[in-house]
N, C-alpha and C. Protein backbone atom coordinates (compact mmCIF):
# COMPACT_ATOMS: atom_id res chain seq x y z
N MET A 1 -23.29 21.61 0.21
CA MET A 1 -21.88 21.90 0.06
C MET A 1 -21.08 20.74 0.65
N ILE A 2 -20.03 20.32 -0.08
CA ILE A 2 -19.21 19.22 0.41
C ILE A 2 -18.07 19.74 1.27
N LYS A 3 -17.64 18.88 2.19
CA LYS A 3 -16.63 19.28 3.17
C LYS A 3 -15.72 18.09 3.46
N LEU A 4 -14.43 18.37 3.67
CA LEU A 4 -13.47 17.35 4.06
C LEU A 4 -13.34 17.35 5.57
N GLU A 5 -13.45 16.16 6.17
CA GLU A 5 -13.34 16.02 7.62
C GLU A 5 -12.47 14.82 7.96
N PRO A 6 -11.80 14.84 9.10
CA PRO A 6 -11.13 13.62 9.57
C PRO A 6 -12.20 12.57 9.87
N LEU A 7 -11.92 11.33 9.57
CA LEU A 7 -12.86 10.24 9.84
C LEU A 7 -13.12 10.11 11.33
N THR A 8 -14.41 10.02 11.69
CA THR A 8 -14.82 9.82 13.08
C THR A 8 -15.91 8.75 13.13
N LYS A 9 -16.37 8.45 14.34
CA LYS A 9 -17.46 7.49 14.50
C LYS A 9 -18.78 8.05 14.00
N TYR A 10 -18.82 9.34 13.68
CA TYR A 10 -20.05 9.97 13.19
C TYR A 10 -20.19 9.91 11.68
N HIS A 11 -19.37 9.10 11.03
CA HIS A 11 -19.46 8.90 9.58
C HIS A 11 -19.94 7.49 9.29
N ASP A 12 -20.74 7.34 8.24
CA ASP A 12 -21.33 6.05 7.88
C ASP A 12 -20.34 5.23 7.04
N ARG A 13 -19.44 4.56 7.72
CA ARG A 13 -18.44 3.74 7.02
C ARG A 13 -19.07 2.53 6.36
N ASN A 14 -20.07 1.92 7.01
CA ASN A 14 -20.67 0.70 6.46
C ASN A 14 -21.47 0.96 5.19
N GLY A 15 -21.96 2.17 5.00
CA GLY A 15 -22.73 2.49 3.80
C GLY A 15 -21.87 2.85 2.60
N PHE A 16 -20.56 2.95 2.78
CA PHE A 16 -19.67 3.34 1.69
C PHE A 16 -19.36 2.13 0.80
N ASP A 17 -19.46 2.35 -0.51
CA ASP A 17 -19.08 1.32 -1.49
C ASP A 17 -18.47 2.00 -2.71
N CYS A 18 -17.18 1.78 -2.90
CA CYS A 18 -16.49 2.34 -4.07
C CYS A 18 -16.33 1.31 -5.18
N GLY A 19 -16.77 0.07 -4.93
CA GLY A 19 -16.61 -0.97 -5.93
C GLY A 19 -15.36 -1.80 -5.74
N SER A 20 -14.54 -1.46 -4.75
CA SER A 20 -13.31 -2.21 -4.46
C SER A 20 -13.40 -2.78 -3.05
N ALA A 21 -13.49 -4.09 -2.95
CA ALA A 21 -13.62 -4.72 -1.63
C ALA A 21 -12.48 -4.36 -0.68
N PRO A 22 -11.21 -4.36 -1.12
CA PRO A 22 -10.14 -3.99 -0.18
C PRO A 22 -10.26 -2.55 0.33
N LEU A 23 -10.63 -1.61 -0.53
CA LEU A 23 -10.79 -0.22 -0.10
C LEU A 23 -11.98 -0.06 0.83
N ASN A 24 -13.09 -0.72 0.51
CA ASN A 24 -14.26 -0.69 1.39
C ASN A 24 -13.92 -1.27 2.77
N ARG A 25 -13.23 -2.41 2.75
CA ARG A 25 -12.86 -3.09 4.00
C ARG A 25 -11.93 -2.20 4.84
N PHE A 26 -10.96 -1.53 4.20
CA PHE A 26 -10.07 -0.63 4.94
C PHE A 26 -10.88 0.45 5.65
N LEU A 27 -11.78 1.09 4.92
CA LEU A 27 -12.56 2.18 5.52
C LEU A 27 -13.43 1.66 6.66
N ARG A 28 -14.06 0.52 6.46
CA ARG A 28 -15.00 -0.01 7.45
C ARG A 28 -14.30 -0.58 8.69
N GLN A 29 -13.17 -1.25 8.50
CA GLN A 29 -12.59 -2.03 9.58
C GLN A 29 -11.26 -1.53 10.12
N THR A 30 -10.53 -0.73 9.35
CA THR A 30 -9.15 -0.44 9.72
C THR A 30 -8.83 1.04 9.89
N ALA A 31 -9.45 1.90 9.15
CA ALA A 31 -9.07 3.32 9.10
C ALA A 31 -9.07 3.99 10.47
N ARG A 32 -10.12 3.80 11.24
CA ARG A 32 -10.17 4.45 12.56
C ARG A 32 -9.14 3.87 13.52
N GLN A 33 -8.91 2.56 13.44
CA GLN A 33 -7.88 1.94 14.28
C GLN A 33 -6.50 2.51 13.94
N HIS A 34 -6.22 2.68 12.65
CA HIS A 34 -4.94 3.25 12.24
C HIS A 34 -4.79 4.67 12.77
N ALA A 35 -5.85 5.44 12.74
CA ALA A 35 -5.79 6.81 13.27
C ALA A 35 -5.51 6.80 14.77
N GLU A 36 -6.19 5.93 15.50
CA GLU A 36 -6.00 5.86 16.95
C GLU A 36 -4.58 5.44 17.32
N ARG A 37 -3.96 4.63 16.46
CA ARG A 37 -2.60 4.13 16.74
C ARG A 37 -1.51 5.00 16.11
N GLY A 38 -1.90 6.06 15.40
CA GLY A 38 -0.92 6.95 14.80
C GLY A 38 -0.28 6.40 13.54
N ILE A 39 -0.90 5.41 12.91
CA ILE A 39 -0.34 4.78 11.71
C ILE A 39 -0.63 5.64 10.48
N SER A 40 -1.85 6.12 10.39
CA SER A 40 -2.25 6.96 9.25
C SER A 40 -3.46 7.79 9.67
N ARG A 41 -3.82 8.73 8.83
CA ARG A 41 -5.02 9.53 9.04
C ARG A 41 -5.89 9.40 7.79
N THR A 42 -7.17 9.24 8.02
CA THR A 42 -8.12 9.15 6.92
C THR A 42 -9.04 10.36 6.97
N PHE A 43 -9.25 10.95 5.80
CA PHE A 43 -10.10 12.12 5.65
C PHE A 43 -11.25 11.75 4.71
N VAL A 44 -12.45 12.19 5.07
CA VAL A 44 -13.64 11.82 4.30
C VAL A 44 -14.31 13.07 3.73
N LEU A 45 -14.87 12.91 2.57
CA LEU A 45 -15.63 13.97 1.91
C LEU A 45 -17.10 13.68 2.17
N VAL A 46 -17.80 14.67 2.74
CA VAL A 46 -19.20 14.49 3.12
C VAL A 46 -19.99 15.74 2.73
N GLU A 47 -21.30 15.58 2.70
CA GLU A 47 -22.19 16.73 2.58
C GLU A 47 -22.21 17.40 3.95
N ASP A 48 -21.88 18.67 3.99
CA ASP A 48 -21.76 19.38 5.26
C ASP A 48 -23.04 19.33 6.08
N ALA A 49 -24.18 19.45 5.43
CA ALA A 49 -25.46 19.52 6.15
C ALA A 49 -26.06 18.15 6.45
N ALA A 50 -25.41 17.06 6.03
CA ALA A 50 -25.98 15.73 6.24
C ALA A 50 -26.03 15.41 7.73
N PRO A 51 -27.11 14.76 8.17
CA PRO A 51 -27.19 14.35 9.58
C PRO A 51 -26.26 13.16 9.85
N ALA A 52 -25.85 13.01 11.09
CA ALA A 52 -25.00 11.88 11.49
C ALA A 52 -25.85 10.61 11.54
N PRO A 53 -25.31 9.50 11.16
CA PRO A 53 -23.98 9.32 10.62
C PRO A 53 -23.93 9.80 9.16
N LYS A 54 -22.98 10.66 8.88
CA LYS A 54 -22.88 11.27 7.55
C LYS A 54 -22.42 10.25 6.51
N PRO A 55 -23.14 10.16 5.38
CA PRO A 55 -22.68 9.30 4.29
C PRO A 55 -21.34 9.82 3.75
N ILE A 56 -20.45 8.90 3.44
CA ILE A 56 -19.13 9.25 2.93
C ILE A 56 -19.16 9.22 1.41
N LEU A 57 -18.79 10.35 0.78
CA LEU A 57 -18.76 10.45 -0.68
C LEU A 57 -17.44 9.93 -1.22
N GLY A 58 -16.38 10.08 -0.46
CA GLY A 58 -15.06 9.62 -0.85
C GLY A 58 -14.11 9.79 0.31
N PHE A 59 -12.91 9.23 0.18
CA PHE A 59 -11.94 9.34 1.26
C PHE A 59 -10.52 9.18 0.73
N PHE A 60 -9.58 9.64 1.53
CA PHE A 60 -8.18 9.31 1.29
C PHE A 60 -7.50 9.12 2.64
N SER A 61 -6.41 8.38 2.61
CA SER A 61 -5.64 8.08 3.81
C SER A 61 -4.19 8.47 3.55
N LEU A 62 -3.56 9.14 4.53
CA LEU A 62 -2.18 9.59 4.41
C LEU A 62 -1.35 9.05 5.57
N ASN A 63 -0.06 8.83 5.30
CA ASN A 63 0.88 8.58 6.38
C ASN A 63 2.26 9.09 6.00
N ILE A 64 3.05 9.35 7.02
CA ILE A 64 4.43 9.77 6.82
C ILE A 64 5.22 8.56 6.34
N CYS A 65 6.17 8.79 5.43
CA CYS A 65 6.98 7.67 4.94
C CYS A 65 8.43 8.11 4.76
N GLU A 66 9.28 7.13 4.62
CA GLU A 66 10.68 7.38 4.28
C GLU A 66 11.00 6.51 3.08
N GLU A 67 11.62 7.11 2.08
CA GLU A 67 11.97 6.39 0.87
C GLU A 67 13.46 6.54 0.60
N SER A 68 14.01 5.55 -0.02
CA SER A 68 15.40 5.62 -0.47
C SER A 68 15.46 6.53 -1.69
N THR A 69 16.50 7.33 -1.76
CA THR A 69 16.64 8.20 -2.93
C THR A 69 16.89 7.39 -4.20
N SER A 70 17.27 6.11 -4.04
CA SER A 70 17.53 5.27 -5.22
C SER A 70 16.27 5.00 -6.04
N VAL A 71 15.08 5.18 -5.45
CA VAL A 71 13.85 4.93 -6.20
C VAL A 71 13.39 6.17 -6.97
N LEU A 72 14.01 7.31 -6.70
CA LEU A 72 13.58 8.57 -7.31
C LEU A 72 14.25 8.79 -8.66
N PRO A 73 13.61 9.59 -9.52
CA PRO A 73 14.27 9.94 -10.79
C PRO A 73 15.61 10.63 -10.52
N GLU A 74 16.60 10.37 -11.35
CA GLU A 74 17.95 10.92 -11.16
C GLU A 74 17.94 12.43 -11.02
N SER A 75 17.07 13.11 -11.76
CA SER A 75 17.02 14.57 -11.70
C SER A 75 16.65 15.08 -10.31
N ILE A 76 15.91 14.29 -9.57
CA ILE A 76 15.53 14.66 -8.21
C ILE A 76 16.53 14.10 -7.20
N ALA A 77 16.91 12.84 -7.38
CA ALA A 77 17.80 12.15 -6.44
C ALA A 77 19.15 12.83 -6.31
N LYS A 78 19.66 13.40 -7.38
CA LYS A 78 21.01 13.99 -7.33
C LYS A 78 21.08 15.19 -6.38
N MET A 79 19.94 15.77 -6.03
CA MET A 79 19.93 16.93 -5.14
C MET A 79 19.65 16.54 -3.69
N LEU A 80 19.57 15.24 -3.41
CA LEU A 80 19.17 14.77 -2.08
C LEU A 80 20.26 13.92 -1.45
N PRO A 81 20.21 13.74 -0.13
CA PRO A 81 21.18 12.86 0.53
C PRO A 81 21.04 11.43 0.01
N ASP A 82 22.09 10.65 0.15
CA ASP A 82 22.09 9.27 -0.35
C ASP A 82 21.17 8.35 0.46
N HIS A 83 20.94 8.68 1.70
CA HIS A 83 20.10 7.83 2.54
C HIS A 83 18.62 8.16 2.33
N GLY A 84 17.77 7.60 3.14
CA GLY A 84 16.34 7.81 3.01
C GLY A 84 15.92 9.25 3.25
N VAL A 85 14.86 9.64 2.58
CA VAL A 85 14.31 10.98 2.72
C VAL A 85 12.83 10.87 3.05
N GLY A 86 12.32 11.89 3.76
CA GLY A 86 10.94 11.86 4.22
C GLY A 86 9.96 12.39 3.19
N GLY A 87 8.78 11.86 3.26
CA GLY A 87 7.68 12.30 2.40
C GLY A 87 6.37 11.89 3.03
N VAL A 88 5.33 11.99 2.25
CA VAL A 88 4.00 11.57 2.68
C VAL A 88 3.47 10.62 1.62
N ARG A 89 2.77 9.59 2.06
CA ARG A 89 2.21 8.59 1.14
C ARG A 89 0.69 8.63 1.18
N VAL A 90 0.09 8.67 0.01
CA VAL A 90 -1.35 8.46 -0.11
C VAL A 90 -1.55 6.95 -0.11
N ARG A 91 -2.07 6.44 0.98
CA ARG A 91 -2.26 4.99 1.10
C ARG A 91 -3.48 4.51 0.32
N ARG A 92 -4.53 5.28 0.40
CA ARG A 92 -5.76 4.90 -0.28
C ARG A 92 -6.52 6.15 -0.67
N LEU A 93 -7.24 6.07 -1.78
CA LEU A 93 -8.11 7.15 -2.24
C LEU A 93 -9.24 6.48 -3.00
N ALA A 94 -10.47 6.81 -2.64
CA ALA A 94 -11.62 6.17 -3.28
C ALA A 94 -12.83 7.09 -3.25
N VAL A 95 -13.69 6.91 -4.24
CA VAL A 95 -14.94 7.65 -4.35
C VAL A 95 -16.09 6.64 -4.39
N ALA A 96 -17.16 6.94 -3.67
CA ALA A 96 -18.34 6.08 -3.66
C ALA A 96 -18.86 5.90 -5.09
N LYS A 97 -19.31 4.68 -5.41
CA LYS A 97 -19.81 4.40 -6.76
C LYS A 97 -20.88 5.39 -7.18
N SER A 98 -21.73 5.78 -6.25
CA SER A 98 -22.82 6.70 -6.56
C SER A 98 -22.34 8.10 -6.91
N HIS A 99 -21.06 8.41 -6.65
CA HIS A 99 -20.53 9.74 -6.91
C HIS A 99 -19.32 9.74 -7.84
N GLN A 100 -19.05 8.60 -8.46
CA GLN A 100 -17.92 8.53 -9.38
C GLN A 100 -18.23 9.29 -10.66
N ARG A 101 -17.17 9.73 -11.32
CA ARG A 101 -17.25 10.48 -12.59
C ARG A 101 -17.87 11.86 -12.39
N GLN A 102 -17.72 12.42 -11.19
CA GLN A 102 -18.23 13.77 -10.91
C GLN A 102 -17.12 14.72 -10.47
N GLY A 103 -15.86 14.28 -10.58
CA GLY A 103 -14.74 15.12 -10.21
C GLY A 103 -14.33 15.04 -8.76
N LEU A 104 -14.94 14.13 -8.00
CA LEU A 104 -14.60 14.05 -6.58
C LEU A 104 -13.22 13.44 -6.34
N GLY A 105 -12.76 12.58 -7.25
CA GLY A 105 -11.40 12.05 -7.14
C GLY A 105 -10.38 13.17 -7.23
N LYS A 106 -10.61 14.07 -8.17
CA LYS A 106 -9.74 15.24 -8.32
C LYS A 106 -9.81 16.13 -7.07
N THR A 107 -11.00 16.31 -6.53
CA THR A 107 -11.17 17.09 -5.30
C THR A 107 -10.40 16.45 -4.16
N LEU A 108 -10.52 15.14 -4.00
CA LEU A 108 -9.80 14.44 -2.93
C LEU A 108 -8.30 14.57 -3.11
N LEU A 109 -7.82 14.41 -4.34
CA LEU A 109 -6.39 14.52 -4.58
C LEU A 109 -5.89 15.93 -4.28
N ALA A 110 -6.66 16.94 -4.66
CA ALA A 110 -6.28 18.33 -4.36
C ALA A 110 -6.20 18.54 -2.85
N GLU A 111 -7.12 17.95 -2.12
CA GLU A 111 -7.09 18.07 -0.65
C GLU A 111 -5.88 17.34 -0.08
N ALA A 112 -5.51 16.20 -0.66
CA ALA A 112 -4.32 15.49 -0.20
C ALA A 112 -3.07 16.33 -0.46
N LEU A 113 -3.03 17.02 -1.59
CA LEU A 113 -1.90 17.91 -1.89
C LEU A 113 -1.82 19.03 -0.85
N LYS A 114 -2.96 19.58 -0.47
CA LYS A 114 -2.99 20.64 0.55
C LYS A 114 -2.51 20.10 1.90
N LYS A 115 -2.92 18.89 2.25
CA LYS A 115 -2.46 18.29 3.50
C LYS A 115 -0.95 18.11 3.46
N PHE A 116 -0.43 17.63 2.33
CA PHE A 116 1.02 17.47 2.21
C PHE A 116 1.72 18.82 2.38
N ASP A 117 1.19 19.85 1.75
CA ASP A 117 1.81 21.17 1.83
C ASP A 117 1.90 21.63 3.30
N ALA A 118 0.84 21.42 4.05
CA ALA A 118 0.85 21.80 5.46
C ALA A 118 1.88 20.97 6.24
N ILE A 119 1.94 19.68 5.96
CA ILE A 119 2.90 18.81 6.65
C ILE A 119 4.32 19.22 6.29
N SER A 120 4.58 19.50 5.02
CA SER A 120 5.94 19.84 4.60
C SER A 120 6.40 21.16 5.23
N HIS A 121 5.47 22.09 5.43
CA HIS A 121 5.84 23.34 6.10
C HIS A 121 6.17 23.11 7.58
N ALA A 122 5.53 22.15 8.19
CA ALA A 122 5.74 21.88 9.61
C ALA A 122 6.92 20.94 9.87
N ALA A 123 7.13 19.97 8.98
CA ALA A 123 8.12 18.93 9.27
C ALA A 123 9.04 18.59 8.11
N GLY A 124 8.85 19.20 6.96
CA GLY A 124 9.65 18.85 5.78
C GLY A 124 9.00 17.73 5.01
N GLY A 125 9.60 17.38 3.91
CA GLY A 125 9.10 16.31 3.06
C GLY A 125 9.39 16.64 1.61
N ILE A 126 9.89 15.66 0.87
CA ILE A 126 10.29 15.92 -0.51
C ILE A 126 9.16 15.80 -1.51
N GLY A 127 8.06 15.17 -1.11
CA GLY A 127 6.94 15.02 -2.03
C GLY A 127 5.94 14.00 -1.56
N LEU A 128 5.01 13.72 -2.46
CA LEU A 128 3.89 12.82 -2.18
C LEU A 128 4.08 11.54 -2.98
N PHE A 129 4.05 10.41 -2.29
CA PHE A 129 4.17 9.10 -2.91
C PHE A 129 2.80 8.45 -2.94
N VAL A 130 2.57 7.58 -3.90
CA VAL A 130 1.32 6.83 -3.97
C VAL A 130 1.60 5.49 -4.62
N ASP A 131 0.91 4.46 -4.14
CA ASP A 131 0.96 3.15 -4.77
C ASP A 131 -0.35 2.95 -5.51
N ALA A 132 -0.30 2.99 -6.82
CA ALA A 132 -1.52 2.81 -7.62
C ALA A 132 -1.98 1.36 -7.50
N LYS A 133 -3.26 1.18 -7.25
CA LYS A 133 -3.80 -0.15 -7.05
C LYS A 133 -4.00 -0.93 -8.36
N ASP A 134 -4.14 -0.19 -9.46
CA ASP A 134 -4.34 -0.82 -10.76
C ASP A 134 -3.98 0.18 -11.86
N ARG A 135 -4.12 -0.23 -13.12
CA ARG A 135 -3.75 0.64 -14.25
C ARG A 135 -4.60 1.91 -14.31
N ALA A 136 -5.88 1.78 -14.01
CA ALA A 136 -6.75 2.96 -14.04
C ALA A 136 -6.30 3.97 -12.99
N ALA A 137 -5.95 3.49 -11.81
CA ALA A 137 -5.47 4.40 -10.76
C ALA A 137 -4.15 5.04 -11.18
N LYS A 138 -3.28 4.26 -11.80
CA LYS A 138 -2.00 4.79 -12.27
C LYS A 138 -2.22 5.91 -13.27
N ARG A 139 -3.12 5.69 -14.22
CA ARG A 139 -3.44 6.73 -15.22
C ARG A 139 -4.02 7.98 -14.54
N PHE A 140 -4.88 7.78 -13.54
CA PHE A 140 -5.47 8.90 -12.80
C PHE A 140 -4.36 9.78 -12.23
N TYR A 141 -3.43 9.18 -11.51
CA TYR A 141 -2.37 9.96 -10.88
C TYR A 141 -1.45 10.60 -11.92
N GLU A 142 -1.16 9.90 -12.98
CA GLU A 142 -0.30 10.46 -14.03
C GLU A 142 -0.94 11.70 -14.66
N ARG A 143 -2.26 11.71 -14.80
CA ARG A 143 -2.95 12.89 -15.36
C ARG A 143 -2.68 14.15 -14.55
N PHE A 144 -2.39 13.99 -13.27
CA PHE A 144 -2.18 15.14 -12.40
C PHE A 144 -0.70 15.42 -12.13
N GLY A 145 0.17 14.78 -12.91
CA GLY A 145 1.60 15.11 -12.83
C GLY A 145 2.45 14.18 -12.00
N PHE A 146 1.89 13.11 -11.47
CA PHE A 146 2.71 12.13 -10.76
C PHE A 146 3.57 11.39 -11.78
N VAL A 147 4.79 11.07 -11.39
CA VAL A 147 5.69 10.31 -12.26
C VAL A 147 5.85 8.91 -11.71
N VAL A 148 5.92 7.93 -12.62
CA VAL A 148 6.10 6.54 -12.24
C VAL A 148 7.54 6.35 -11.80
N LEU A 149 7.73 5.70 -10.68
CA LEU A 149 9.08 5.43 -10.20
C LEU A 149 9.58 4.11 -10.79
N PRO A 150 10.86 4.04 -11.11
CA PRO A 150 11.39 2.84 -11.73
C PRO A 150 11.32 1.66 -10.78
N PRO A 151 11.29 0.48 -11.26
CA PRO A 151 11.18 0.10 -12.67
C PRO A 151 9.73 -0.12 -13.08
N ASP A 152 9.02 0.94 -13.37
CA ASP A 152 7.62 0.91 -13.76
C ASP A 152 6.77 0.17 -12.74
N GLU A 153 6.99 0.47 -11.50
CA GLU A 153 6.24 -0.13 -10.41
C GLU A 153 4.91 0.60 -10.28
N PRO A 154 4.07 0.12 -9.37
CA PRO A 154 2.82 0.86 -9.15
C PRO A 154 3.04 2.13 -8.34
N GLN A 155 4.30 2.36 -7.89
CA GLN A 155 4.58 3.53 -7.07
C GLN A 155 4.81 4.76 -7.96
N LEU A 156 4.14 5.86 -7.58
CA LEU A 156 4.29 7.12 -8.29
C LEU A 156 4.70 8.19 -7.29
N PHE A 157 5.16 9.33 -7.83
CA PHE A 157 5.71 10.38 -6.98
C PHE A 157 5.43 11.74 -7.59
N MET A 158 5.10 12.71 -6.71
CA MET A 158 5.00 14.11 -7.12
C MET A 158 5.89 14.91 -6.18
N PRO A 159 6.93 15.58 -6.74
CA PRO A 159 7.85 16.32 -5.88
C PRO A 159 7.23 17.60 -5.32
N LEU A 160 7.85 18.07 -4.26
CA LEU A 160 7.41 19.26 -3.55
C LEU A 160 7.16 20.44 -4.48
N ASN A 161 8.11 20.74 -5.37
CA ASN A 161 7.94 21.91 -6.24
C ASN A 161 6.74 21.77 -7.17
N ALA A 162 6.46 20.56 -7.63
CA ALA A 162 5.29 20.34 -8.49
C ALA A 162 4.00 20.51 -7.69
N ILE A 163 4.01 20.09 -6.44
CA ILE A 163 2.83 20.24 -5.58
C ILE A 163 2.57 21.71 -5.32
N GLN A 164 3.62 22.44 -4.99
CA GLN A 164 3.45 23.88 -4.74
C GLN A 164 2.94 24.59 -5.98
N LYS A 165 3.43 24.20 -7.14
CA LYS A 165 2.97 24.80 -8.40
C LYS A 165 1.50 24.47 -8.65
N ALA A 166 1.12 23.23 -8.38
CA ALA A 166 -0.27 22.80 -8.60
C ALA A 166 -1.24 23.52 -7.68
N LEU A 167 -0.77 23.88 -6.49
CA LEU A 167 -1.65 24.54 -5.52
C LEU A 167 -1.82 26.04 -5.78
N LYS A 168 -1.01 26.60 -6.66
CA LYS A 168 -1.13 28.05 -6.96
C LYS A 168 -2.25 28.32 -7.93
């Protein structure tokens, strides 16, 4: 059975390979430091029964963010203050090459939506932002209802109401 856990020293970061050197490097060298400094939190998908150090099947990283309402679609921006508004950003999301094309990306994204929902209940937040690393990543997020923010940047957004609907 697979389980989502916060990244710790008991996870095999060096054995993870998603095929993207920057994502691998982040997990191996930066993710735990960011957690210790309060910059972001990284969550890993592992086999629950695996012995330590547990192999990582996939991961995502989240942090609190503030965005200008000017980057949001008019239909959303018109209901918000003119200044910056709070949200959560998916900084990175990756699946190990050995486990790609098995639905784990969707599982990780669903878990990120749940984390956002918990954060929004505790502290507010208008939605989930993500910077797609490439066209394939952009298409992945669009399949789940994220909208591209103008002017067709790699940044995408899913508003709070869409997240709540997706979680039902």
